[in-house]
């Protein structure tokens, strides 16, 4: 099993910037070491976060894909998994190593986009429903509940 370090100090500013835009409030992704069958393997040094090289690469590609396409209402775990040629369950388990689920990640990205659209100045009024749709939500009631629970 090949292992690559995901310690912050092992990456340059471009890597950190890419990871910071993946929808997490912190600039670093927390992961667990998994073997090829996705069973957790004990860590080496305390505080060190690692994945197999292949799993880490797949996770990075998936997070990039999600970050680039979160505003598409039809974005699903199955879509992202099919794009990589892996099963939905395998991708789900990879994403869960970051501490959030696929749905939580997509909702966070969409809520942040909606907040940005709501707070930027415009020369004409816009409807909340248009902003929700532009952020990727297809159900306005669902958007309202999430927005209220997330931002108060």
N, C-alpha and C. Protein backbone atom coordinates (compact mmCIF):
# COMPACT_ATOMS: atom_id res chain seq x y z
N UNK A 1 0.86 -1.17 0.00
CA UNK A 1 0.00 0.00 0.00
C UNK A 1 0.90 1.23 0.00
N UNK A 2 0.68 2.13 -0.94
CA UNK A 2 1.43 3.37 -1.00
C UNK A 2 0.74 4.40 -0.11
N UNK A 3 1.52 5.20 0.58
CA UNK A 3 0.96 6.20 1.48
C UNK A 3 1.56 7.55 1.13
N UNK A 4 0.71 8.54 1.09
CA UNK A 4 1.17 9.90 0.87
C UNK A 4 0.76 10.75 2.06
N UNK A 5 1.60 11.64 2.48
CA UNK A 5 1.29 12.48 3.62
C UNK A 5 0.38 13.61 3.21
N UNK A 6 -0.58 13.92 4.03
CA UNK A 6 -1.44 15.06 3.81
C UNK A 6 -1.23 16.11 4.90
N UNK A 7 -0.02 16.11 5.48
CA UNK A 7 0.28 17.12 6.48
C UNK A 7 0.39 18.47 5.78
N UNK A 8 -0.10 19.50 6.42
CA UNK A 8 -0.13 20.84 5.84
C UNK A 8 1.25 21.30 5.36
N UNK A 9 2.27 21.02 6.13
CA UNK A 9 3.60 21.50 5.79
C UNK A 9 4.21 20.79 4.57
N UNK A 10 3.61 19.70 4.12
CA UNK A 10 4.11 18.97 2.97
C UNK A 10 3.54 19.48 1.65
N UNK A 11 2.73 20.54 1.69
CA UNK A 11 2.08 21.02 0.48
C UNK A 11 2.33 22.50 0.28
N UNK A 12 2.31 22.91 -1.00
CA UNK A 12 2.55 24.31 -1.31
C UNK A 12 1.24 25.12 -1.23
N UNK A 13 1.34 26.42 -1.48
CA UNK A 13 0.20 27.32 -1.34
C UNK A 13 -0.93 26.96 -2.30
N UNK A 14 -0.59 26.49 -3.51
CA UNK A 14 -1.63 26.11 -4.47
C UNK A 14 -2.47 24.94 -3.96
N UNK A 15 -1.81 23.94 -3.35
CA UNK A 15 -2.54 22.82 -2.79
C UNK A 15 -3.47 23.28 -1.67
N UNK A 16 -2.95 24.13 -0.81
CA UNK A 16 -3.75 24.62 0.32
C UNK A 16 -4.93 25.45 -0.16
N UNK A 17 -4.72 26.28 -1.18
CA UNK A 17 -5.81 27.09 -1.71
C UNK A 17 -6.89 26.21 -2.32
N UNK A 18 -6.50 25.16 -3.03
CA UNK A 18 -7.45 24.25 -3.64
C UNK A 18 -8.27 23.54 -2.57
N UNK A 19 -7.62 23.08 -1.53
CA UNK A 19 -8.33 22.38 -0.47
C UNK A 19 -9.22 23.33 0.33
N UNK A 20 -8.81 24.58 0.46
CA UNK A 20 -9.60 25.54 1.22
C UNK A 20 -10.91 25.88 0.52
N UNK A 21 -11.00 25.66 -0.79
CA UNK A 21 -12.21 25.98 -1.53
C UNK A 21 -13.15 24.79 -1.65
N UNK A 22 -12.92 23.74 -0.90
CA UNK A 22 -13.74 22.53 -1.01
C UNK A 22 -14.93 22.53 -0.06
N UNK A 23 -15.27 23.64 0.50
CA UNK A 23 -16.48 23.73 1.29
C UNK A 23 -16.33 23.50 2.77
N UNK A 24 -15.11 23.36 3.27
CA UNK A 24 -14.89 23.18 4.69
C UNK A 24 -14.54 24.53 5.30
N UNK A 25 -14.95 24.80 6.53
CA UNK A 25 -14.61 26.05 7.16
C UNK A 25 -13.14 26.17 7.53
N UNK A 26 -12.44 25.05 7.64
CA UNK A 26 -11.02 25.08 7.95
C UNK A 26 -10.23 24.83 6.68
N UNK A 27 -8.97 25.32 6.60
CA UNK A 27 -8.22 25.19 5.36
C UNK A 27 -7.57 23.82 5.17
N UNK A 28 -7.85 22.88 6.02
CA UNK A 28 -7.20 21.58 5.86
C UNK A 28 -8.22 20.46 5.99
N UNK A 29 -8.03 19.42 5.23
CA UNK A 29 -8.94 18.29 5.21
C UNK A 29 -8.46 17.24 6.19
N UNK A 30 -9.34 16.78 7.06
CA UNK A 30 -9.01 15.71 8.00
C UNK A 30 -9.34 14.38 7.33
N UNK A 31 -8.40 13.46 7.37
CA UNK A 31 -8.63 12.16 6.75
C UNK A 31 -8.16 11.05 7.66
N UNK A 32 -8.62 9.84 7.36
CA UNK A 32 -8.17 8.65 8.06
C UNK A 32 -7.46 7.77 7.05
N UNK A 33 -6.50 6.98 7.50
CA UNK A 33 -5.79 6.05 6.65
C UNK A 33 -6.68 4.85 6.39
N UNK A 34 -6.88 4.52 5.12
CA UNK A 34 -7.70 3.39 4.73
C UNK A 34 -6.86 2.43 3.90
N UNK A 35 -7.10 1.13 4.08
CA UNK A 35 -6.44 0.18 3.20
C UNK A 35 -7.25 0.05 1.92
N UNK A 36 -6.85 -0.83 1.03
CA UNK A 36 -7.51 -0.95 -0.26
C UNK A 36 -8.96 -1.40 -0.16
N UNK A 37 -9.35 -2.00 0.95
CA UNK A 37 -10.73 -2.41 1.17
C UNK A 37 -11.51 -1.39 1.99
N UNK A 38 -10.92 -0.21 2.19
CA UNK A 38 -11.52 0.88 2.94
C UNK A 38 -11.73 0.58 4.41
N UNK A 39 -10.86 -0.23 4.99
CA UNK A 39 -10.86 -0.45 6.43
C UNK A 39 -9.85 0.50 7.05
N UNK A 40 -10.22 1.08 8.18
CA UNK A 40 -9.34 2.05 8.81
C UNK A 40 -8.07 1.37 9.33
N UNK A 41 -6.94 2.03 9.07
CA UNK A 41 -5.64 1.55 9.52
C UNK A 41 -5.14 2.55 10.56
N UNK A 42 -4.59 2.08 11.69
CA UNK A 42 -4.09 3.01 12.70
C UNK A 42 -3.04 3.97 12.12
N UNK A 43 -3.02 5.19 12.63
CA UNK A 43 -2.08 6.20 12.16
C UNK A 43 -0.68 5.94 12.68
N UNK A 44 0.30 6.51 11.96
CA UNK A 44 1.68 6.43 12.38
C UNK A 44 1.95 7.42 13.50
N UNK A 45 2.23 8.65 13.15
CA UNK A 45 2.52 9.69 14.13
C UNK A 45 1.23 10.39 14.54
N UNK A 46 1.15 10.84 15.79
CA UNK A 46 -0.03 11.60 16.22
C UNK A 46 -0.19 12.86 15.37
N UNK A 47 -1.41 13.12 14.94
CA UNK A 47 -1.68 14.32 14.16
C UNK A 47 -1.44 14.16 12.68
N UNK A 48 -0.88 13.05 12.24
CA UNK A 48 -0.60 12.85 10.83
C UNK A 48 -1.83 12.27 10.16
N UNK A 49 -2.24 12.84 9.04
CA UNK A 49 -3.40 12.38 8.32
C UNK A 49 -2.96 11.84 6.97
N UNK A 50 -3.33 10.60 6.68
CA UNK A 50 -2.86 9.99 5.44
C UNK A 50 -3.94 9.10 4.81
N UNK A 51 -3.86 8.94 3.51
CA UNK A 51 -4.67 8.00 2.73
C UNK A 51 -3.72 7.27 1.81
N UNK A 52 -4.15 6.16 1.24
CA UNK A 52 -3.33 5.55 0.20
C UNK A 52 -3.23 6.56 -0.94
N UNK A 53 -2.20 6.47 -1.72
CA UNK A 53 -2.00 7.44 -2.81
C UNK A 53 -3.17 7.44 -3.78
N UNK A 54 -3.67 6.27 -4.12
CA UNK A 54 -4.79 6.19 -5.05
C UNK A 54 -6.05 6.77 -4.43
N UNK A 55 -6.36 6.40 -3.20
CA UNK A 55 -7.55 6.91 -2.53
C UNK A 55 -7.46 8.42 -2.35
N UNK A 56 -6.28 8.91 -1.98
CA UNK A 56 -6.09 10.35 -1.81
C UNK A 56 -6.28 11.11 -3.11
N UNK A 57 -5.78 10.54 -4.20
CA UNK A 57 -5.93 11.17 -5.51
C UNK A 57 -7.39 11.17 -5.94
N UNK A 58 -8.08 10.06 -5.71
CA UNK A 58 -9.50 9.99 -6.06
C UNK A 58 -10.31 10.99 -5.26
N UNK A 59 -9.99 11.11 -3.98
CA UNK A 59 -10.68 12.07 -3.12
C UNK A 59 -10.45 13.49 -3.62
N UNK A 60 -9.22 13.83 -3.94
CA UNK A 60 -8.90 15.18 -4.41
C UNK A 60 -9.65 15.50 -5.71
N UNK A 61 -9.68 14.55 -6.63
CA UNK A 61 -10.39 14.76 -7.90
C UNK A 61 -11.89 14.94 -7.64
N UNK A 62 -12.45 14.13 -6.76
CA UNK A 62 -13.87 14.23 -6.45
C UNK A 62 -14.20 15.58 -5.81
N UNK A 63 -13.38 16.03 -4.87
CA UNK A 63 -13.63 17.31 -4.20
C UNK A 63 -13.51 18.47 -5.19
N UNK A 64 -12.56 18.39 -6.11
CA UNK A 64 -12.43 19.42 -7.14
C UNK A 64 -13.66 19.45 -8.04
N UNK A 65 -14.12 18.28 -8.43
CA UNK A 65 -15.30 18.16 -9.29
C UNK A 65 -16.53 18.74 -8.59
N UNK A 66 -16.70 18.41 -7.33
CA UNK A 66 -17.83 18.92 -6.55
C UNK A 66 -17.75 20.45 -6.43
N UNK A 67 -16.57 20.96 -6.12
CA UNK A 67 -16.39 22.40 -5.96
C UNK A 67 -16.67 23.16 -7.26
N UNK A 68 -16.38 22.54 -8.39
CA UNK A 68 -16.60 23.20 -9.68
C UNK A 68 -18.04 23.10 -10.15
N UNK A 69 -18.80 22.12 -9.65
CA UNK A 69 -20.13 21.87 -10.19
C UNK A 69 -21.25 21.83 -9.14
N UNK A 70 -20.99 22.34 -7.95
CA UNK A 70 -21.99 22.26 -6.88
C UNK A 70 -23.28 23.00 -7.22
N UNK A 71 -23.21 23.99 -8.08
CA UNK A 71 -24.39 24.79 -8.42
C UNK A 71 -25.35 24.08 -9.38
N UNK A 72 -24.95 22.94 -9.93
CA UNK A 72 -25.83 22.17 -10.81
C UNK A 72 -26.84 21.41 -9.96
N UNK A 73 -28.13 21.66 -10.13
CA UNK A 73 -29.12 21.00 -9.29
C UNK A 73 -29.09 19.48 -9.38
N UNK A 74 -28.66 18.93 -10.49
CA UNK A 74 -28.63 17.49 -10.67
C UNK A 74 -27.38 16.80 -10.18
N UNK A 75 -26.50 17.51 -9.49
CA UNK A 75 -25.26 16.90 -9.00
C UNK A 75 -25.58 15.87 -7.92
N UNK A 76 -25.16 14.65 -8.14
CA UNK A 76 -25.39 13.57 -7.17
C UNK A 76 -24.11 12.82 -6.91
N UNK A 77 -24.10 12.08 -5.84
CA UNK A 77 -22.96 11.22 -5.53
C UNK A 77 -22.72 10.24 -6.68
N UNK A 78 -23.79 9.70 -7.23
CA UNK A 78 -23.67 8.74 -8.34
C UNK A 78 -23.03 9.39 -9.57
N UNK A 79 -23.36 10.66 -9.83
CA UNK A 79 -22.78 11.37 -10.97
C UNK A 79 -21.27 11.52 -10.80
N UNK A 80 -20.86 11.94 -9.63
CA UNK A 80 -19.43 12.14 -9.37
C UNK A 80 -18.69 10.80 -9.41
N UNK A 81 -19.28 9.77 -8.83
CA UNK A 81 -18.66 8.44 -8.84
C UNK A 81 -18.53 7.90 -10.26
N UNK A 82 -19.57 8.05 -11.06
CA UNK A 82 -19.53 7.57 -12.44
C UNK A 82 -18.46 8.30 -13.23
N UNK A 83 -18.30 9.57 -12.96
CA UNK A 83 -17.28 10.38 -13.65
C UNK A 83 -15.88 9.81 -13.39
N UNK A 84 -15.67 9.24 -12.20
CA UNK A 84 -14.37 8.67 -11.85
C UNK A 84 -14.28 7.18 -12.12
N UNK A 85 -15.40 6.56 -12.47
CA UNK A 85 -15.39 5.13 -12.73
C UNK A 85 -15.29 4.28 -11.46
N UNK A 86 -15.87 4.79 -10.36
CA UNK A 86 -15.87 4.06 -9.09
C UNK A 86 -17.30 3.95 -8.59
N UNK A 87 -17.53 3.11 -7.62
CA UNK A 87 -18.89 2.95 -7.09
C UNK A 87 -19.26 4.13 -6.20
N UNK A 88 -20.56 4.35 -6.10
CA UNK A 88 -21.06 5.43 -5.24
C UNK A 88 -20.68 5.20 -3.79
N UNK A 89 -20.76 3.97 -3.34
CA UNK A 89 -20.44 3.65 -1.93
C UNK A 89 -18.97 3.93 -1.63
N UNK A 90 -18.08 3.55 -2.56
CA UNK A 90 -16.64 3.79 -2.36
C UNK A 90 -16.38 5.30 -2.26
N UNK A 91 -16.99 6.07 -3.16
CA UNK A 91 -16.82 7.52 -3.11
C UNK A 91 -17.39 8.10 -1.83
N UNK A 92 -18.54 7.60 -1.42
CA UNK A 92 -19.15 8.07 -0.18
C UNK A 92 -18.21 7.86 1.01
N UNK A 93 -17.60 6.70 1.07
CA UNK A 93 -16.68 6.41 2.17
C UNK A 93 -15.43 7.28 2.09
N UNK A 94 -14.93 7.54 0.89
CA UNK A 94 -13.78 8.44 0.74
C UNK A 94 -14.13 9.84 1.24
N UNK A 95 -15.26 10.36 0.82
CA UNK A 95 -15.66 11.71 1.21
C UNK A 95 -15.88 11.79 2.71
N UNK A 96 -16.41 10.75 3.31
CA UNK A 96 -16.65 10.75 4.75
C UNK A 96 -15.36 10.82 5.56
N UNK A 97 -14.21 10.48 4.95
CA UNK A 97 -12.94 10.60 5.67
C UNK A 97 -12.60 12.07 5.95
N UNK A 98 -13.26 13.00 5.26
CA UNK A 98 -13.03 14.43 5.50
C UNK A 98 -13.84 14.96 6.68
N UNK A 99 -14.75 14.13 7.20
CA UNK A 99 -15.54 14.54 8.34
C UNK A 99 -16.93 15.02 8.00
N UNK A 100 -17.27 15.11 6.71
CA UNK A 100 -18.61 15.49 6.29
C UNK A 100 -19.06 14.56 5.17
N UNK A 101 -20.36 14.49 4.99
CA UNK A 101 -20.90 13.65 3.91
C UNK A 101 -20.94 14.44 2.61
N UNK A 102 -21.23 13.74 1.53
CA UNK A 102 -21.38 14.38 0.22
C UNK A 102 -22.46 15.46 0.29
N UNK A 103 -23.60 15.13 0.84
CA UNK A 103 -24.72 16.07 0.91
C UNK A 103 -24.38 17.29 1.75
N UNK A 104 -23.72 17.07 2.89
CA UNK A 104 -23.32 18.21 3.73
C UNK A 104 -22.35 19.13 2.98
N UNK A 105 -21.41 18.55 2.25
CA UNK A 105 -20.44 19.34 1.49
C UNK A 105 -21.13 20.16 0.42
N UNK A 106 -22.01 19.53 -0.37
CA UNK A 106 -22.70 20.24 -1.44
C UNK A 106 -23.61 21.33 -0.86
N UNK A 107 -24.34 21.01 0.19
CA UNK A 107 -25.21 22.02 0.81
C UNK A 107 -24.41 23.20 1.34
N UNK A 108 -23.26 22.94 1.95
CA UNK A 108 -22.42 24.03 2.47
C UNK A 108 -21.95 24.94 1.33
N UNK A 109 -21.50 24.35 0.24
CA UNK A 109 -21.06 25.15 -0.91
C UNK A 109 -22.21 25.97 -1.47
N UNK A 110 -23.37 25.36 -1.59
CA UNK A 110 -24.53 26.07 -2.12
C UNK A 110 -24.99 27.19 -1.19
N UNK A 111 -24.98 26.94 0.11
CA UNK A 111 -25.37 27.98 1.06
C UNK A 111 -24.40 29.15 1.04
N UNK A 112 -23.12 28.86 0.93
CA UNK A 112 -22.12 29.94 0.85
C UNK A 112 -22.31 30.77 -0.41
N UNK A 113 -22.63 30.10 -1.52
CA UNK A 113 -22.89 30.81 -2.78
C UNK A 113 -24.14 31.68 -2.64
N UNK A 114 -25.19 31.14 -2.05
CA UNK A 114 -26.42 31.91 -1.86
C UNK A 114 -26.16 33.13 -0.97
N UNK A 115 -25.40 32.94 0.09
CA UNK A 115 -25.07 34.06 0.97
C UNK A 115 -24.30 35.14 0.21
N UNK A 116 -23.35 34.73 -0.60
CA UNK A 116 -22.58 35.69 -1.40
C UNK A 116 -23.49 36.45 -2.35
N UNK A 117 -24.41 35.75 -2.99
CA UNK A 117 -25.34 36.40 -3.92
C UNK A 117 -26.28 37.35 -3.19
N UNK A 118 -26.70 36.97 -2.00
CA UNK A 118 -27.60 37.83 -1.22
C UNK A 118 -26.92 39.09 -0.70
N UNK A 119 -25.65 39.01 -0.41
CA UNK A 119 -24.96 40.15 0.20
C UNK A 119 -24.24 41.05 -0.79
N UNK A 120 -24.09 40.62 -2.04
CA UNK A 120 -23.43 41.50 -3.00
C UNK A 120 -24.42 42.54 -3.52
N UNK A 121 -23.95 43.76 -3.74
CA UNK A 121 -24.85 44.83 -4.19
C UNK A 121 -25.33 44.60 -5.63
N UNK A 122 -26.61 44.97 -5.86
CA UNK A 122 -27.20 44.86 -7.20
C UNK A 122 -27.97 46.13 -7.49
N UNK A 123 -28.10 46.44 -8.77
CA UNK A 123 -28.84 47.64 -9.16
C UNK A 123 -30.35 47.42 -9.19
N UNK A 124 -30.79 46.17 -9.14
CA UNK A 124 -32.22 45.89 -9.10
C UNK A 124 -32.49 44.76 -8.11
N UNK A 125 -33.67 44.76 -7.52
CA UNK A 125 -33.99 43.69 -6.54
C UNK A 125 -34.05 42.32 -7.22
N UNK A 126 -33.66 41.30 -6.45
CA UNK A 126 -33.73 39.92 -6.95
C UNK A 126 -34.56 39.10 -5.99
N UNK A 127 -35.23 38.10 -6.54
CA UNK A 127 -36.06 37.23 -5.72
C UNK A 127 -35.20 36.16 -5.06
N UNK A 128 -35.57 35.80 -3.85
CA UNK A 128 -34.87 34.76 -3.11
C UNK A 128 -34.89 33.45 -3.89
N UNK A 129 -36.00 33.16 -4.53
CA UNK A 129 -36.10 31.91 -5.30
C UNK A 129 -35.10 31.88 -6.44
N UNK A 130 -34.86 33.02 -7.09
CA UNK A 130 -33.87 33.07 -8.17
C UNK A 130 -32.46 32.83 -7.63
N UNK A 131 -32.17 33.39 -6.47
CA UNK A 131 -30.86 33.20 -5.85
C UNK A 131 -30.67 31.74 -5.45
N UNK A 132 -31.70 31.14 -4.87
CA UNK A 132 -31.62 29.74 -4.48
C UNK A 132 -31.37 28.85 -5.69
N UNK A 133 -32.08 29.10 -6.77
CA UNK A 133 -31.89 28.32 -7.99
C UNK A 133 -30.49 28.52 -8.57
N UNK A 134 -30.00 29.75 -8.54
CA UNK A 134 -28.67 30.04 -9.06
C UNK A 134 -27.58 29.34 -8.23
N UNK A 135 -27.84 29.16 -6.94
CA UNK A 135 -26.87 28.49 -6.07
C UNK A 135 -26.93 26.97 -6.19
N UNK A 136 -27.97 26.45 -6.87
CA UNK A 136 -28.04 25.01 -7.09
C UNK A 136 -29.18 24.30 -6.39
N UNK A 137 -29.98 25.03 -5.63
CA UNK A 137 -31.12 24.42 -4.95
C UNK A 137 -32.30 24.33 -5.91
N UNK A 138 -32.95 23.19 -5.95
CA UNK A 138 -34.12 23.04 -6.82
C UNK A 138 -35.42 23.12 -6.03
N UNK A 139 -35.33 23.07 -4.72
CA UNK A 139 -36.51 23.14 -3.86
C UNK A 139 -36.36 24.35 -2.94
N UNK A 140 -37.20 25.35 -3.14
CA UNK A 140 -37.10 26.60 -2.39
C UNK A 140 -37.37 26.38 -0.90
N UNK A 141 -38.31 25.52 -0.57
CA UNK A 141 -38.60 25.25 0.85
C UNK A 141 -37.39 24.63 1.54
N UNK A 142 -36.75 23.70 0.85
CA UNK A 142 -35.55 23.06 1.40
C UNK A 142 -34.45 24.11 1.60
N UNK A 143 -34.27 24.98 0.61
CA UNK A 143 -33.29 26.06 0.72
C UNK A 143 -33.59 26.94 1.94
N UNK A 144 -34.85 27.34 2.10
CA UNK A 144 -35.23 28.21 3.22
C UNK A 144 -34.91 27.56 4.56
N UNK A 145 -35.24 26.27 4.71
CA UNK A 145 -34.97 25.56 5.97
C UNK A 145 -33.47 25.48 6.23
N UNK A 146 -32.69 25.10 5.21
CA UNK A 146 -31.24 25.00 5.39
C UNK A 146 -30.61 26.34 5.71
N UNK A 147 -31.01 27.36 4.96
CA UNK A 147 -30.44 28.69 5.16
C UNK A 147 -30.72 29.20 6.57
N UNK A 148 -31.95 29.03 6.99
CA UNK A 148 -32.35 29.49 8.34
C UNK A 148 -31.58 28.74 9.43
N UNK A 149 -31.45 27.43 9.26
CA UNK A 149 -30.75 26.65 10.29
C UNK A 149 -29.25 26.92 10.29
N UNK A 150 -28.70 27.25 9.13
CA UNK A 150 -27.25 27.48 9.04
C UNK A 150 -26.85 28.90 9.46
N UNK A 151 -27.61 29.87 9.02
CA UNK A 151 -27.24 31.28 9.26
C UNK A 151 -28.12 31.98 10.29
N UNK A 152 -29.18 31.33 10.72
CA UNK A 152 -30.04 31.93 11.75
C UNK A 152 -31.14 32.79 11.23
